[in-house]
Amino acid sequence: MCLAVPMKVISIDNDMVIAEIDGVRREASLMMLGEDAVVGDYVLIHAGFAISRLNEEAALETIALMRECLEPGRETS
């Protein structure tokens, strides 16, 4: 299964970004994004590429759901 993670862009250098979630920073290429990104945007990061831009509300909702699913002790079916 593949997973793209919403992350906040904290810096941009040419076609590369540094994005962060929960203190974890990753470098990602903007090559596949197809639209402009600016510092403060939320983007979906997958396999080292920003693949989609998200509005803040959708990004934060997705992050909250991911945290809930990954809670220690959470039962899975």
N, C-alpha and C. Protein backbone atom coordinates (compact mmCIF):
# COMPACT_ATOMS: atom_id res chain seq x y z
N MET A 1 0.84 -1.17 0.00
CA MET A 1 0.00 0.00 0.00
C MET A 1 0.89 1.24 0.00
N CYS A 2 0.53 2.21 -0.78
CA CYS A 2 1.24 3.48 -0.84
C CYS A 2 0.49 4.51 0.00
N LEU A 3 1.24 5.44 0.54
CA LEU A 3 0.62 6.46 1.38
C LEU A 3 1.26 7.80 1.08
N ALA A 4 0.44 8.79 0.84
CA ALA A 4 0.92 10.17 0.70
C ALA A 4 0.57 10.89 1.99
N VAL A 5 1.50 11.70 2.48
CA VAL A 5 1.33 12.36 3.76
C VAL A 5 1.22 13.86 3.57
N PRO A 6 0.19 14.51 4.13
CA PRO A 6 0.10 15.96 4.05
C PRO A 6 1.17 16.59 4.94
N MET A 7 1.92 17.51 4.38
CA MET A 7 2.98 18.19 5.11
C MET A 7 2.95 19.67 4.76
N LYS A 8 3.43 20.50 5.69
CA LYS A 8 3.46 21.95 5.48
C LYS A 8 4.81 22.36 4.90
N VAL A 9 4.77 23.14 3.83
CA VAL A 9 5.99 23.64 3.20
C VAL A 9 6.62 24.69 4.11
N ILE A 10 7.89 24.46 4.47
CA ILE A 10 8.58 25.44 5.32
C ILE A 10 9.68 26.19 4.59
N SER A 11 10.14 25.64 3.45
CA SER A 11 11.10 26.39 2.62
C SER A 11 11.06 25.85 1.20
N ILE A 12 11.44 26.72 0.28
CA ILE A 12 11.48 26.36 -1.14
C ILE A 12 12.80 26.84 -1.71
N ASP A 13 13.46 25.95 -2.46
CA ASP A 13 14.70 26.28 -3.15
C ASP A 13 14.61 25.72 -4.55
N ASN A 14 14.37 26.60 -5.52
CA ASN A 14 14.15 26.19 -6.92
C ASN A 14 12.97 25.23 -6.99
N ASP A 15 13.20 23.98 -7.39
CA ASP A 15 12.08 23.04 -7.53
C ASP A 15 12.04 22.02 -6.39
N MET A 16 12.67 22.36 -5.26
CA MET A 16 12.66 21.48 -4.09
C MET A 16 12.06 22.21 -2.89
N VAL A 17 11.36 21.45 -2.06
CA VAL A 17 10.81 22.01 -0.82
C VAL A 17 11.32 21.22 0.37
N ILE A 18 11.32 21.87 1.51
CA ILE A 18 11.42 21.17 2.78
C ILE A 18 10.03 21.28 3.38
N ALA A 19 9.45 20.13 3.71
CA ALA A 19 8.10 20.10 4.28
C ALA A 19 8.17 19.40 5.62
N GLU A 20 7.21 19.73 6.51
CA GLU A 20 7.27 19.25 7.89
C GLU A 20 5.91 18.81 8.39
N ILE A 21 5.93 17.78 9.21
CA ILE A 21 4.77 17.36 9.99
C ILE A 21 5.27 16.79 11.30
N ASP A 22 4.74 17.26 12.40
CA ASP A 22 5.09 16.78 13.74
C ASP A 22 6.60 16.78 13.98
N GLY A 23 7.29 17.79 13.49
CA GLY A 23 8.72 17.90 13.71
C GLY A 23 9.58 17.09 12.77
N VAL A 24 8.96 16.30 11.90
CA VAL A 24 9.69 15.50 10.91
C VAL A 24 9.75 16.30 9.62
N ARG A 25 10.97 16.49 9.14
CA ARG A 25 11.17 17.25 7.90
C ARG A 25 11.63 16.34 6.78
N ARG A 26 11.09 16.60 5.59
CA ARG A 26 11.47 15.84 4.41
C ARG A 26 11.69 16.79 3.24
N GLU A 27 12.65 16.44 2.41
CA GLU A 27 12.87 17.17 1.18
C GLU A 27 12.03 16.50 0.09
N ALA A 28 11.42 17.30 -0.75
CA ALA A 28 10.59 16.76 -1.82
C ALA A 28 10.69 17.64 -3.06
N SER A 29 10.55 17.00 -4.20
CA SER A 29 10.58 17.70 -5.47
C SER A 29 9.19 18.25 -5.81
N LEU A 30 9.19 19.42 -6.43
CA LEU A 30 7.94 20.02 -6.92
C LEU A 30 7.66 19.64 -8.37
N MET A 31 8.53 18.82 -8.96
CA MET A 31 8.46 18.48 -10.38
C MET A 31 7.08 17.95 -10.80
N MET A 32 6.41 17.20 -9.95
CA MET A 32 5.12 16.58 -10.32
C MET A 32 3.92 17.38 -9.86
N LEU A 33 4.13 18.50 -9.17
CA LEU A 33 3.01 19.22 -8.58
C LEU A 33 2.10 19.87 -9.63
N GLY A 34 2.67 20.47 -10.64
CA GLY A 34 1.85 21.06 -11.69
C GLY A 34 1.22 22.40 -11.34
N GLU A 35 1.54 22.95 -10.19
CA GLU A 35 1.06 24.27 -9.79
C GLU A 35 2.07 24.87 -8.84
N ASP A 36 1.98 26.15 -8.62
CA ASP A 36 2.92 26.82 -7.73
C ASP A 36 2.61 26.49 -6.28
N ALA A 37 3.66 26.40 -5.49
CA ALA A 37 3.52 26.23 -4.05
C ALA A 37 4.29 27.36 -3.38
N VAL A 38 3.82 27.79 -2.24
CA VAL A 38 4.51 28.83 -1.47
C VAL A 38 4.69 28.32 -0.04
N VAL A 39 5.63 28.93 0.67
CA VAL A 39 5.84 28.59 2.07
C VAL A 39 4.52 28.77 2.82
N GLY A 40 4.18 27.76 3.62
CA GLY A 40 2.92 27.78 4.35
C GLY A 40 1.85 26.90 3.74
N ASP A 41 2.01 26.55 2.46
CA ASP A 41 1.05 25.64 1.81
C ASP A 41 1.18 24.24 2.40
N TYR A 42 0.10 23.48 2.32
CA TYR A 42 0.13 22.06 2.63
C TYR A 42 0.14 21.30 1.31
N VAL A 43 1.02 20.31 1.23
CA VAL A 43 1.12 19.48 0.03
C VAL A 43 1.14 18.02 0.45
N LEU A 44 0.67 17.16 -0.44
CA LEU A 44 0.79 15.72 -0.21
C LEU A 44 2.16 15.28 -0.70
N ILE A 45 2.92 14.63 0.17
CA ILE A 45 4.25 14.15 -0.18
C ILE A 45 4.17 12.63 -0.32
N HIS A 46 4.67 12.15 -1.46
CA HIS A 46 4.71 10.71 -1.73
C HIS A 46 6.01 10.39 -2.46
N ALA A 47 6.79 9.50 -1.88
CA ALA A 47 8.02 9.00 -2.52
C ALA A 47 8.95 10.14 -2.96
N GLY A 48 9.04 11.17 -2.13
CA GLY A 48 9.96 12.27 -2.43
C GLY A 48 9.43 13.32 -3.38
N PHE A 49 8.14 13.27 -3.67
CA PHE A 49 7.52 14.24 -4.58
C PHE A 49 6.29 14.87 -3.94
N ALA A 50 6.11 16.16 -4.14
CA ALA A 50 4.86 16.83 -3.80
C ALA A 50 3.92 16.54 -4.96
N ILE A 51 2.80 15.86 -4.68
CA ILE A 51 1.93 15.44 -5.77
C ILE A 51 0.61 16.21 -5.84
N SER A 52 0.28 16.93 -4.77
CA SER A 52 -0.97 17.69 -4.77
C SER A 52 -0.90 18.74 -3.68
N ARG A 53 -1.56 19.85 -3.92
CA ARG A 53 -1.67 20.90 -2.91
C ARG A 53 -3.03 20.76 -2.23
N LEU A 54 -3.07 20.96 -0.91
CA LEU A 54 -4.31 20.86 -0.14
C LEU A 54 -4.61 22.18 0.54
N ASN A 55 -5.90 22.45 0.74
CA ASN A 55 -6.20 23.60 1.58
C ASN A 55 -5.94 23.20 3.03
N GLU A 56 -5.73 24.18 3.88
CA GLU A 56 -5.32 23.91 5.26
C GLU A 56 -6.34 23.06 6.00
N GLU A 57 -7.62 23.33 5.81
CA GLU A 57 -8.66 22.58 6.51
C GLU A 57 -8.59 21.09 6.16
N ALA A 58 -8.48 20.76 4.89
CA ALA A 58 -8.40 19.36 4.46
C ALA A 58 -7.13 18.70 4.99
N ALA A 59 -6.02 19.44 4.94
CA ALA A 59 -4.75 18.89 5.41
C ALA A 59 -4.82 18.58 6.90
N LEU A 60 -5.32 19.51 7.70
CA LEU A 60 -5.38 19.30 9.14
C LEU A 60 -6.35 18.19 9.52
N GLU A 61 -7.45 18.08 8.79
CA GLU A 61 -8.41 16.99 9.03
C GLU A 61 -7.76 15.64 8.72
N THR A 62 -7.04 15.56 7.62
CA THR A 62 -6.36 14.31 7.25
C THR A 62 -5.29 13.94 8.27
N ILE A 63 -4.52 14.93 8.71
CA ILE A 63 -3.49 14.68 9.72
C ILE A 63 -4.12 14.17 11.01
N ALA A 64 -5.22 14.77 11.42
CA ALA A 64 -5.91 14.33 12.64
C ALA A 64 -6.39 12.89 12.51
N LEU A 65 -6.94 12.53 11.36
CA LEU A 65 -7.40 11.15 11.14
C LEU A 65 -6.24 10.17 11.13
N MET A 66 -5.11 10.57 10.54
CA MET A 66 -3.93 9.70 10.53
C MET A 66 -3.43 9.49 11.96
N ARG A 67 -3.39 10.55 12.76
CA ARG A 67 -2.95 10.41 14.16
C ARG A 67 -3.87 9.47 14.92
N GLU A 68 -5.18 9.60 14.69
CA GLU A 68 -6.15 8.74 15.36
C GLU A 68 -5.92 7.27 14.99
N CYS A 69 -5.70 7.01 13.73
CA CYS A 69 -5.49 5.63 13.27
C CYS A 69 -4.20 5.03 13.82
N LEU A 70 -3.22 5.87 14.10
CA LEU A 70 -1.91 5.40 14.55
C LEU A 70 -1.76 5.43 16.07
N GLU A 71 -2.82 5.73 16.79
CA GLU A 71 -2.75 5.78 18.26
C GLU A 71 -2.31 4.43 18.82
N PRO A 72 -1.37 4.45 19.78
CA PRO A 72 -1.00 3.19 20.43
C PRO A 72 -2.21 2.57 21.12
N GLY A 73 -2.35 1.26 21.04
CA GLY A 73 -3.44 0.56 21.69
C GLY A 73 -4.73 0.56 20.91
N ARG A 74 -4.76 1.24 19.76
CA ARG A 74 -5.98 1.26 18.95
C ARG A 74 -6.18 -0.12 18.34
N GLU A 75 -7.37 -0.66 18.50
CA GLU A 75 -7.68 -1.99 17.94
C GLU A 75 -7.87 -1.89 16.44
N THR A 76 -7.39 -2.89 15.73
CA THR A 76 -7.58 -2.96 14.29
C THR A 76 -8.36 -4.23 13.96
N SER A 77 -9.08 -4.19 12.87
CA SER A 77 -9.88 -5.35 12.47
C SER A 77 -9.13 -6.19 11.47
